[in-house]
PDB file of N, CA and C in Angstrom:
ATOM      1  N   MET A   1       0.693  -1.298   0.102  1.00  0.00           N
ATOM      2  CA  MET A   1       0.048  -0.042  -0.058  1.00  0.00           C
ATOM      3  C   MET A   1       0.882   0.763   0.007  1.00  0.00           C
ATOM      4  N   GLY A   2       1.829   1.139   0.436  1.00  0.00           N
ATOM      5  CA  GLY A   2       2.974   2.313   0.781  1.00  0.00           C
ATOM      6  C   GLY A   2       3.189   2.399  -0.370  1.00  0.00           C
ATOM      7  N   MET A   3       3.959   1.505  -1.629  1.00  0.00           N
ATOM      8  CA  MET A   3       4.321   1.568  -2.861  1.00  0.00           C
ATOM      9  C   MET A   3       2.810   2.290  -3.514  1.00  0.00           C
ATOM     10  N   ALA A   4       2.077   1.876  -3.696  1.00  0.00           N
ATOM     11  CA  ALA A   4       0.958   2.518  -4.055  1.00  0.00           C
ATOM     12  C   ALA A   4       0.655   3.951  -3.761  1.00  0.00           C
ATOM     13  N   ALA A   5       0.824   3.890  -2.591  1.00  0.00           N
ATOM     14  CA  ALA A   5       0.714   5.339  -2.008  1.00  0.00           C
ATOM     15  C   ALA A   5       1.905   6.391  -2.631  1.00  0.00           C
ATOM     16  N   ASP A   6       2.508   6.249  -2.367  1.00  0.00           N
ATOM     17  CA  ASP A   6       3.867   7.361  -3.153  1.00  0.00           C
ATOM     18  C   ASP A   6       3.520   7.170  -4.978  1.00  0.00           C
ATOM     19  N   LYS A   7       3.101   6.254  -5.469  1.00  0.00           N
ATOM     20  CA  LYS A   7       2.872   6.830  -6.570  1.00  0.00           C
ATOM     21  C   LYS A   7       1.986   7.529  -6.516  1.00  0.00           C
ATOM     22  N   LEU A   8       0.813   7.659  -6.134  1.00  0.00           N
ATOM     23  CA  LEU A   8      -0.236   8.391  -6.272  1.00  0.00           C
ATOM     24  C   LEU A   8      -0.002   9.749  -5.477  1.00  0.00           C
ATOM     25  N   GLY A   9       0.950   9.830  -4.766  1.00  0.00           N
ATOM     26  CA  GLY A   9       1.504  11.208  -4.144  1.00  0.00           C
ATOM     27  C   GLY A   9       0.820  11.471  -3.186  1.00  0.00           C
ATOM     28  N   LEU A  10      -0.021  10.435  -2.121  1.00  0.00           N
ATOM     29  CA  LEU A  10      -0.557   9.901  -1.109  1.00  0.00           C
ATOM     30  C   LEU A  10       0.645  10.211   0.175  1.00  0.00           C
ATOM     31  N   ASP A  11      -0.054  11.097   1.388  1.00  0.00           N
ATOM     32  CA  ASP A  11       0.901  10.795   2.809  1.00  0.00           C
ATOM     33  C   ASP A  11      -0.022   9.996   3.867  1.00  0.00           C
ATOM     34  N   LEU A  12       0.686   8.939   3.849  1.00  0.00           N
ATOM     35  CA  LEU A  12       0.325   7.927   4.803  1.00  0.00           C
ATOM     36  C   LEU A  12       0.774   7.575   6.333  1.00  0.00           C
ATOM     37  N   SER A  13       1.494   8.848   6.581  1.00  0.00           N
ATOM     38  CA  SER A  13       1.927   8.712   7.749  1.00  0.00           C
ATOM     39  C   SER A  13       0.908   8.440   8.721  1.00  0.00           C
ATOM     40  N   GLY A  14       0.735   8.185   9.892  1.00  0.00           N
ATOM     41  CA  GLY A  14       0.238   8.205  10.709  1.00  0.00           C
ATOM     42  C   GLY A  14      -1.087   7.395  10.711  1.00  0.00           C
ATOM     43  N   THR A  15      -1.010   6.450   9.616  1.00  0.00           N
ATOM     44  CA  THR A  15      -1.577   5.291   9.065  1.00  0.00           C
ATOM     45  C   THR A  15      -1.373   4.055  10.618  1.00  0.00           C
ATOM     46  N   LYS A  16      -2.635   4.048  10.788  1.00  0.00           N
ATOM     47  CA  LYS A  16      -2.692   2.290  11.751  1.00  0.00           C
ATOM     48  C   LYS A  16      -3.076   1.293  11.420  1.00  0.00           C
ATOM     49  N   THR A  17      -2.346   0.176  11.467  1.00  0.00           N
ATOM     50  CA  THR A  17      -3.202  -0.944  10.853  1.00  0.00           C
ATOM     51  C   THR A  17      -2.971  -2.104  11.887  1.00  0.00           C
ATOM     52  N   GLU A  18      -4.830  -2.898  11.650  1.00  0.00           N
ATOM     53  CA  GLU A  18      -4.865  -4.452  13.286  1.00  0.00           C
ATOM     54  C   GLU A  18      -5.120  -5.182  12.129  1.00  0.00           C
ATOM     55  N   VAL A  19      -4.444  -6.073  12.627  1.00  0.00           N
ATOM     56  CA  VAL A  19      -4.815  -7.303  11.673  1.00  0.00           C
ATOM     57  C   VAL A  19      -5.125  -8.221  12.872  1.00  0.00           C
ATOM     58  N   GLY A  20      -6.335  -8.735  12.820  1.00  0.00           N
ATOM     59  CA  GLY A  20      -7.040  -9.849  13.768  1.00  0.00           C
ATOM     60  C   GLY A  20      -7.268 -11.306  12.816  1.00  0.00           C
ATOM     61  N   VAL A  21      -6.445 -12.367  13.766  1.00  0.00           N
ATOM     62  CA  VAL A  21      -6.252 -13.554  13.016  1.00  0.00           C
ATOM     63  C   VAL A  21      -7.681 -14.331  13.621  1.00  0.00           C
ATOM     64  N   GLU A  22      -8.553 -15.316  12.566  1.00  0.00           N
ATOM     65  CA  GLU A  22      -8.693 -16.453  13.189  1.00  0.00           C
ATOM     66  C   GLU A  22      -8.404 -17.562  12.637  1.00  0.00           C
ATOM     67  N   VAL A  23      -8.502 -18.406  13.927  1.00  0.00           N
ATOM     68  CA  VAL A  23      -8.065 -19.508  14.221  1.00  0.00           C
ATOM     69  C   VAL A  23      -8.854 -20.667  14.080  1.00  0.00           C
ATOM     70  N   ALA A  24      -8.014 -22.239  13.254  1.00  0.00           N
ATOM     71  CA  ALA A  24      -9.238 -22.593  13.342  1.00  0.00           C
ATOM     72  C   ALA A  24      -9.131 -23.724  14.470  1.00  0.00           C
ATOM     73  N   PRO A  25     -10.123 -24.381  15.383  1.00  0.00           N
ATOM     74  CA  PRO A  25     -10.090 -25.138  16.587  1.00  0.00           C
ATOM     75  C   PRO A  25      -8.982 -26.338  16.568  1.00  0.00           C
ATOM     76  N   PRO A  26      -8.718 -26.674  17.849  1.00  0.00           N
ATOM     77  CA  PRO A  26      -7.933 -28.053  17.767  1.00  0.00           C
ATOM     78  C   PRO A  26      -8.397 -28.881  17.466  1.00  0.00           C
ATOM     79  N   PRO A  27      -7.847 -29.911  16.348  1.00  0.00           N
ATOM     80  CA  PRO A  27      -6.284 -30.094  16.142  1.00  0.00           C
ATOM     81  C   PRO A  27      -6.210 -29.377  15.205  1.00  0.00           C
ATOM     82  N   ALA A  28      -6.733 -28.848  14.187  1.00  0.00           N
ATOM     83  CA  ALA A  28      -6.140 -27.668  13.077  1.00  0.00           C
ATOM     84  C   ALA A  28      -5.148 -27.056  13.830  1.00  0.00           C
ATOM     85  N   LEU A  29      -5.703 -26.144  14.508  1.00  0.00           N
ATOM     86  CA  LEU A  29      -4.865 -25.244  14.620  1.00  0.00           C
ATOM     87  C   LEU A  29      -4.219 -23.999  13.678  1.00  0.00           C
ATOM     88  N   ARG A  30      -4.663 -24.155  12.715  1.00  0.00           N
ATOM     89  CA  ARG A  30      -4.514 -23.054  11.497  1.00  0.00           C
ATOM     90  C   ARG A  30      -5.066 -21.820  10.749  1.00  0.00           C
ATOM     91  N   VAL A  31      -4.526 -21.124  10.094  1.00  0.00           N
ATOM     92  CA  VAL A  31      -5.315 -19.785  10.206  1.00  0.00           C
ATOM     93  C   VAL A  31      -6.380 -19.955   9.467  1.00  0.00           C
ATOM     94  N   GLU A  32      -7.283 -19.602   9.490  1.00  0.00           N
ATOM     95  CA  GLU A  32      -8.521 -20.016   8.611  1.00  0.00           C
ATOM     96  C   GLU A  32      -8.575 -18.536   7.749  1.00  0.00           C
ATOM     97  N   GLY A  33      -8.564 -17.137   8.355  1.00  0.00           N
ATOM     98  CA  GLY A  33      -8.804 -16.020   7.725  1.00  0.00           C
ATOM     99  C   GLY A  33      -8.575 -14.790   9.166  1.00  0.00           C
ATOM    100  N   LEU A  34      -8.384 -13.540   8.180  1.00  0.00           N
ATOM    101  CA  LEU A  34      -7.280 -12.218   8.606  1.00  0.00           C
ATOM    102  C   LEU A  34      -8.260 -11.206   8.222  1.00  0.00           C
ATOM    103  N   ASN A  35      -8.198 -10.317   9.546  1.00  0.00           N
ATOM    104  CA  ASN A  35      -9.591  -9.379   9.495  1.00  0.00           C
ATOM    105  C   ASN A  35      -8.336  -8.324   9.392  1.00  0.00           C
ATOM    106  N   VAL A  36      -8.300  -7.224   8.498  1.00  0.00           N
ATOM    107  CA  VAL A  36      -7.343  -6.157   8.703  1.00  0.00           C
ATOM    108  C   VAL A  36      -8.028  -4.836   8.751  1.00  0.00           C
ATOM    109  N   ALA A  37      -7.712  -3.998   9.614  1.00  0.00           N
ATOM    110  CA  ALA A  37      -8.612  -2.761   9.594  1.00  0.00           C
ATOM    111  C   ALA A  37      -7.419  -2.076   9.780  1.00  0.00           C
ATOM    112  N   VAL A  38      -7.494  -1.114   8.162  1.00  0.00           N
ATOM    113  CA  VAL A  38      -6.802   0.244   8.111  1.00  0.00           C
ATOM    114  C   VAL A  38      -7.270   1.402   8.308  1.00  0.00           C
ATOM    115  N   ALA A  39      -6.987   2.069   9.516  1.00  0.00           N
ATOM    116  CA  ALA A  39      -7.346   3.579  10.017  1.00  0.00           C
ATOM    117  C   ALA A  39      -6.751   4.834   9.096  1.00  0.00           C
ATOM    118  N   LEU A  40      -6.870   5.395   8.272  1.00  0.00           N
ATOM    119  CA  LEU A  40      -6.179   6.260   7.666  1.00  0.00           C
ATOM    120  C   LEU A  40      -6.191   7.265   8.357  1.00  0.00           C
ATOM    121  N   PRO A  41      -5.194   8.114   8.497  1.00  0.00           N
ATOM    122  CA  PRO A  41      -5.243   9.249   9.181  1.00  0.00           C
ATOM    123  C   PRO A  41      -5.660  10.977   8.890  1.00  0.00           C
ATOM    124  N   ARG A  42      -5.905  10.847   7.390  1.00  0.00           N
ATOM    125  CA  ARG A  42      -7.112  11.799   6.776  1.00  0.00           C
ATOM    126  C   ARG A  42      -8.163  11.166   6.099  1.00  0.00           C
ATOM    127  N   LYS A  43      -8.669  12.586   5.467  1.00  0.00           N
ATOM    128  CA  LYS A  43      -9.730  12.020   4.591  1.00  0.00           C
ATOM    129  C   LYS A  43      -9.130  11.998   3.382  1.00  0.00           C
ATOM    130  N   PHE A  44      -9.484  11.409   2.779  1.00  0.00           N
ATOM    131  CA  PHE A  44      -9.274  10.950   1.020  1.00  0.00           C
ATOM    132  C   PHE A  44     -10.071  10.349   0.314  1.00  0.00           C
ATOM    133  N   SER A  45      -9.931  10.979  -0.829  1.00  0.00           N
ATOM    134  CA  SER A  45     -11.266  10.445  -1.946  1.00  0.00           C
ATOM    135  C   SER A  45     -12.062   8.863  -2.299  1.00  0.00           C
ATOM    136  N   GLU A  46     -13.050   8.651  -2.578  1.00  0.00           N
ATOM    137  CA  GLU A  46     -13.258   7.604  -2.456  1.00  0.00           C
ATOM    138  C   GLU A  46     -12.610   6.340  -4.182  1.00  0.00           C
ATOM    139  N   GLU A  47     -12.271   6.977  -4.648  1.00  0.00           N
ATOM    140  CA  GLU A  47     -10.833   6.571  -5.696  1.00  0.00           C
ATOM    141  C   GLU A  47      -9.416   6.580  -5.040  1.00  0.00           C
ATOM    142  N   GLN A  48      -9.239   7.575  -4.296  1.00  0.00           N
ATOM    143  CA  GLN A  48      -7.923   7.064  -3.882  1.00  0.00           C
ATOM    144  C   GLN A  48      -8.195   5.542  -2.781  1.00  0.00           C
ATOM    145  N   VAL A  49      -9.173   6.039  -2.107  1.00  0.00           N
ATOM    146  CA  VAL A  49      -9.328   4.495  -0.670  1.00  0.00           C
ATOM    147  C   VAL A  49      -9.188   3.582  -2.121  1.00  0.00           C
ATOM    148  N   GLN A  50      -9.843   3.348  -3.196  1.00  0.00           N
ATOM    149  CA  GLN A  50     -10.382   2.609  -3.889  1.00  0.00           C
ATOM    150  C   GLN A  50      -8.866   1.726  -4.691  1.00  0.00           C
ATOM    151  N   GLN A  51      -7.704   2.362  -4.671  1.00  0.00           N
ATOM    152  CA  GLN A  51      -6.817   2.562  -5.654  1.00  0.00           C
ATOM    153  C   GLN A  51      -5.512   1.634  -4.479  1.00  0.00           C
ATOM    154  N   LEU A  52      -6.465   2.365  -2.794  1.00  0.00           N
ATOM    155  CA  LEU A  52      -5.580   2.128  -2.290  1.00  0.00           C
ATOM    156  C   LEU A  52      -5.979   0.708  -2.013  1.00  0.00           C
ATOM    157  N   ARG A  53      -7.252   0.113  -1.654  1.00  0.00           N
ATOM    158  CA  ARG A  53      -7.816  -0.897  -1.346  1.00  0.00           C
ATOM    159  C   ARG A  53      -7.239  -2.252  -2.511  1.00  0.00           C
ATOM    160  N   ALA A  54      -7.412  -1.501  -3.963  1.00  0.00           N
ATOM    161  CA  ALA A  54      -7.170  -2.656  -5.317  1.00  0.00           C
ATOM    162  C   ALA A  54      -5.150  -2.975  -4.332  1.00  0.00           C
ATOM    163  N   ALA A  55      -4.108  -1.974  -4.162  1.00  0.00           N
ATOM    164  CA  ALA A  55      -2.619  -2.469  -4.019  1.00  0.00           C
ATOM    165  C   ALA A  55      -2.910  -2.811  -2.947  1.00  0.00           C
ATOM    166  N   VAL A  56      -3.381  -3.185  -1.832  1.00  0.00           N
ATOM    167  CA  VAL A  56      -4.088  -4.205  -0.796  1.00  0.00           C
ATOM    168  C   VAL A  56      -4.235  -5.683  -1.515  1.00  0.00           C
ATOM    169  N   GLU A  57      -5.187  -5.579  -2.231  1.00  0.00           N
ATOM    170  CA  GLU A  57      -5.485  -6.636  -2.270  1.00  0.00           C
ATOM    171  C   GLU A  57      -4.458  -7.550  -3.267  1.00  0.00           C
ATOM    172  N   GLN A  58      -4.071  -6.862  -4.440  1.00  0.00           N
ATOM    173  CA  GLN A  58      -2.769  -7.399  -5.092  1.00  0.00           C
ATOM    174  C   GLN A  58      -1.944  -7.751  -4.398  1.00  0.00           C
ATOM    175  N   CYS A  59      -1.421  -7.541  -3.202  1.00  0.00           N
ATOM    176  CA  CYS A  59      -0.251  -7.492  -2.683  1.00  0.00           C
ATOM    177  C   CYS A  59       0.212  -8.932  -2.574  1.00  0.00           C
ATOM    178  N   PRO A  60       1.611  -9.244  -3.163  1.00  0.00           N
ATOM    179  CA  PRO A  60       2.224  -9.950  -3.584  1.00  0.00           C
ATOM    180  C   PRO A  60       2.430 -10.956  -2.365  1.00  0.00           C
ATOM    181  N   LEU A  61       2.596 -10.990  -1.160  1.00  0.00           N
ATOM    182  CA  LEU A  61       2.854 -11.513  -0.019  1.00  0.00           C
ATOM    183  C   LEU A  61       1.114 -12.476   0.023  1.00  0.00           C
ATOM    184  N   ARG A  62       0.367 -11.852  -0.426  1.00  0.00           N
ATOM    185  CA  ARG A  62      -1.338 -12.434  -0.035  1.00  0.00           C
ATOM    186  C   ARG A  62      -0.682 -13.986  -0.863  1.00  0.00           C
ATOM    187  N   GLY A  63      -0.094 -14.175  -2.232  1.00  0.00           N
ATOM    188  CA  GLY A  63       0.137 -15.300  -2.261  1.00  0.00           C
ATOM    189  C   GLY A  63       1.086 -16.342  -2.054  1.00  0.00           C
ATOM    190  N   ALA A  64       1.492 -15.868  -0.383  1.00  0.00           N
ATOM    191  CA  ALA A  64       1.842 -16.762   0.239  1.00  0.00           C
ATOM    192  C   ALA A  64       1.293 -17.679   1.632  1.00  0.00           C
ATOM    193  N   LEU A  65      -0.024 -16.793   1.319  1.00  0.00           N
ATOM    194  CA  LEU A  65      -1.610 -17.387   2.270  1.00  0.00           C
ATOM    195  C   LEU A  65      -2.185 -18.867   1.446  1.00  0.00           C
ATOM    196  N   ARG A  66      -2.495 -19.801   2.243  1.00  0.00           N
ATOM    197  CA  ARG A  66      -3.560 -20.669   1.561  1.00  0.00           C
ATOM    198  C   ARG A  66      -4.833 -20.003   0.737  1.00  0.00           C
ATOM    199  N   PRO A  67      -4.655 -20.391  -0.370  1.00  0.00           N
ATOM    200  CA  PRO A  67      -5.943 -19.840  -1.606  1.00  0.00           C
ATOM    201  C   PRO A  67      -7.438 -19.960  -0.899  1.00  0.00           C
ATOM    202  N   GLU A  68      -7.443 -20.909   0.708  1.00  0.00           N
ATOM    203  CA  GLU A  68      -8.984 -21.118   1.548  1.00  0.00           C
ATOM    204  C   GLU A  68      -8.819 -19.857   2.544  1.00  0.00           C
ATOM    205  N   VAL A  69      -7.814 -19.500   2.816  1.00  0.00           N
ATOM    206  CA  VAL A  69      -7.812 -18.291   3.928  1.00  0.00           C
ATOM    207  C   VAL A  69      -8.795 -16.759   3.261  1.00  0.00           C
ATOM    208  N   LYS A  70      -9.123 -16.768   4.543  1.00  0.00           N
ATOM    209  CA  LYS A  70     -10.444 -15.202   3.970  1.00  0.00           C
ATOM    210  C   LYS A  70      -9.557 -14.031   4.476  1.00  0.00           C
ATOM    211  N   VAL A  71     -10.009 -13.085   3.853  1.00  0.00           N
ATOM    212  CA  VAL A  71      -8.967 -11.878   4.077  1.00  0.00           C
ATOM    213  C   VAL A  71     -10.242 -10.469   3.927  1.00  0.00           C
ATOM    214  N   ALA A  72      -9.980 -10.171   4.841  1.00  0.00           N
ATOM    215  CA  ALA A  72     -10.980  -9.132   4.768  1.00  0.00           C
ATOM    216  C   ALA A  72     -10.501  -7.615   5.373  1.00  0.00           C
ATOM    217  N   ILE A  73     -10.789  -6.812   4.135  1.00  0.00           N
ATOM    218  CA  ILE A  73      -9.961  -5.588   4.595  1.00  0.00           C
ATOM    219  C   ILE A  73     -10.945  -4.339   5.055  1.00  0.00           C
ATOM    220  N   SER A  74     -10.953  -3.455   5.977  1.00  0.00           N
ATOM    221  CA  SER A  74     -11.743  -1.973   5.998  1.00  0.00           C
ATOM    222  C   SER A  74     -10.764  -1.204   5.785  1.00  0.00           C
ATOM    223  N   PHE A  75     -11.628   0.191   5.564  1.00  0.00           N
ATOM    224  CA  PHE A  75     -10.638   1.315   5.883  1.00  0.00           C
ATOM    225  C   PHE A  75     -11.899   2.450   6.402  1.00  0.00           C
ATOM    226  N   ALA A  76     -11.108   2.877   7.544  1.00  0.00           N
ATOM    227  CA  ALA A  76     -11.555   3.916   8.216  1.00  0.00           C
ATOM    228  C   ALA A  76     -10.849   5.172   7.775  1.00  0.00           C
ATOM    229  N   MET A  77     -12.222   6.424   7.831  1.00  0.00           N
ATOM    230  CA  MET A  77     -10.979   7.581   7.698  1.00  0.00           C
ATOM    231  C   MET A  77     -12.032   8.769   9.147  1.00  0.00           C
ATOM    232  N   PRO A  78     -10.964   9.536   9.246  1.00  0.00           N
ATOM    233  CA  PRO A  78     -11.934  10.850  10.375  1.00  0.00           C
ATOM    234  C   PRO A  78     -12.840  11.046   9.837  1.00  0.00           C
TER     235      PRO A  78
END
């Protein structure tokens, strides 16, 4: 998201991110889902938020997760 923000000329300093992990019950104990909450420090246009969301969804690190892991992403602004 940072690289996309740089390309778009957006200042993301002060952004906070929280990640919640959903784990399968024993005996599996594997990650079933991630809940990612991004708190942006200032108001951005809907188009800019969509571009940031697309950057998160296309992040190559998501490829490291098993395909069945559900990832929910939310953005909040003041």
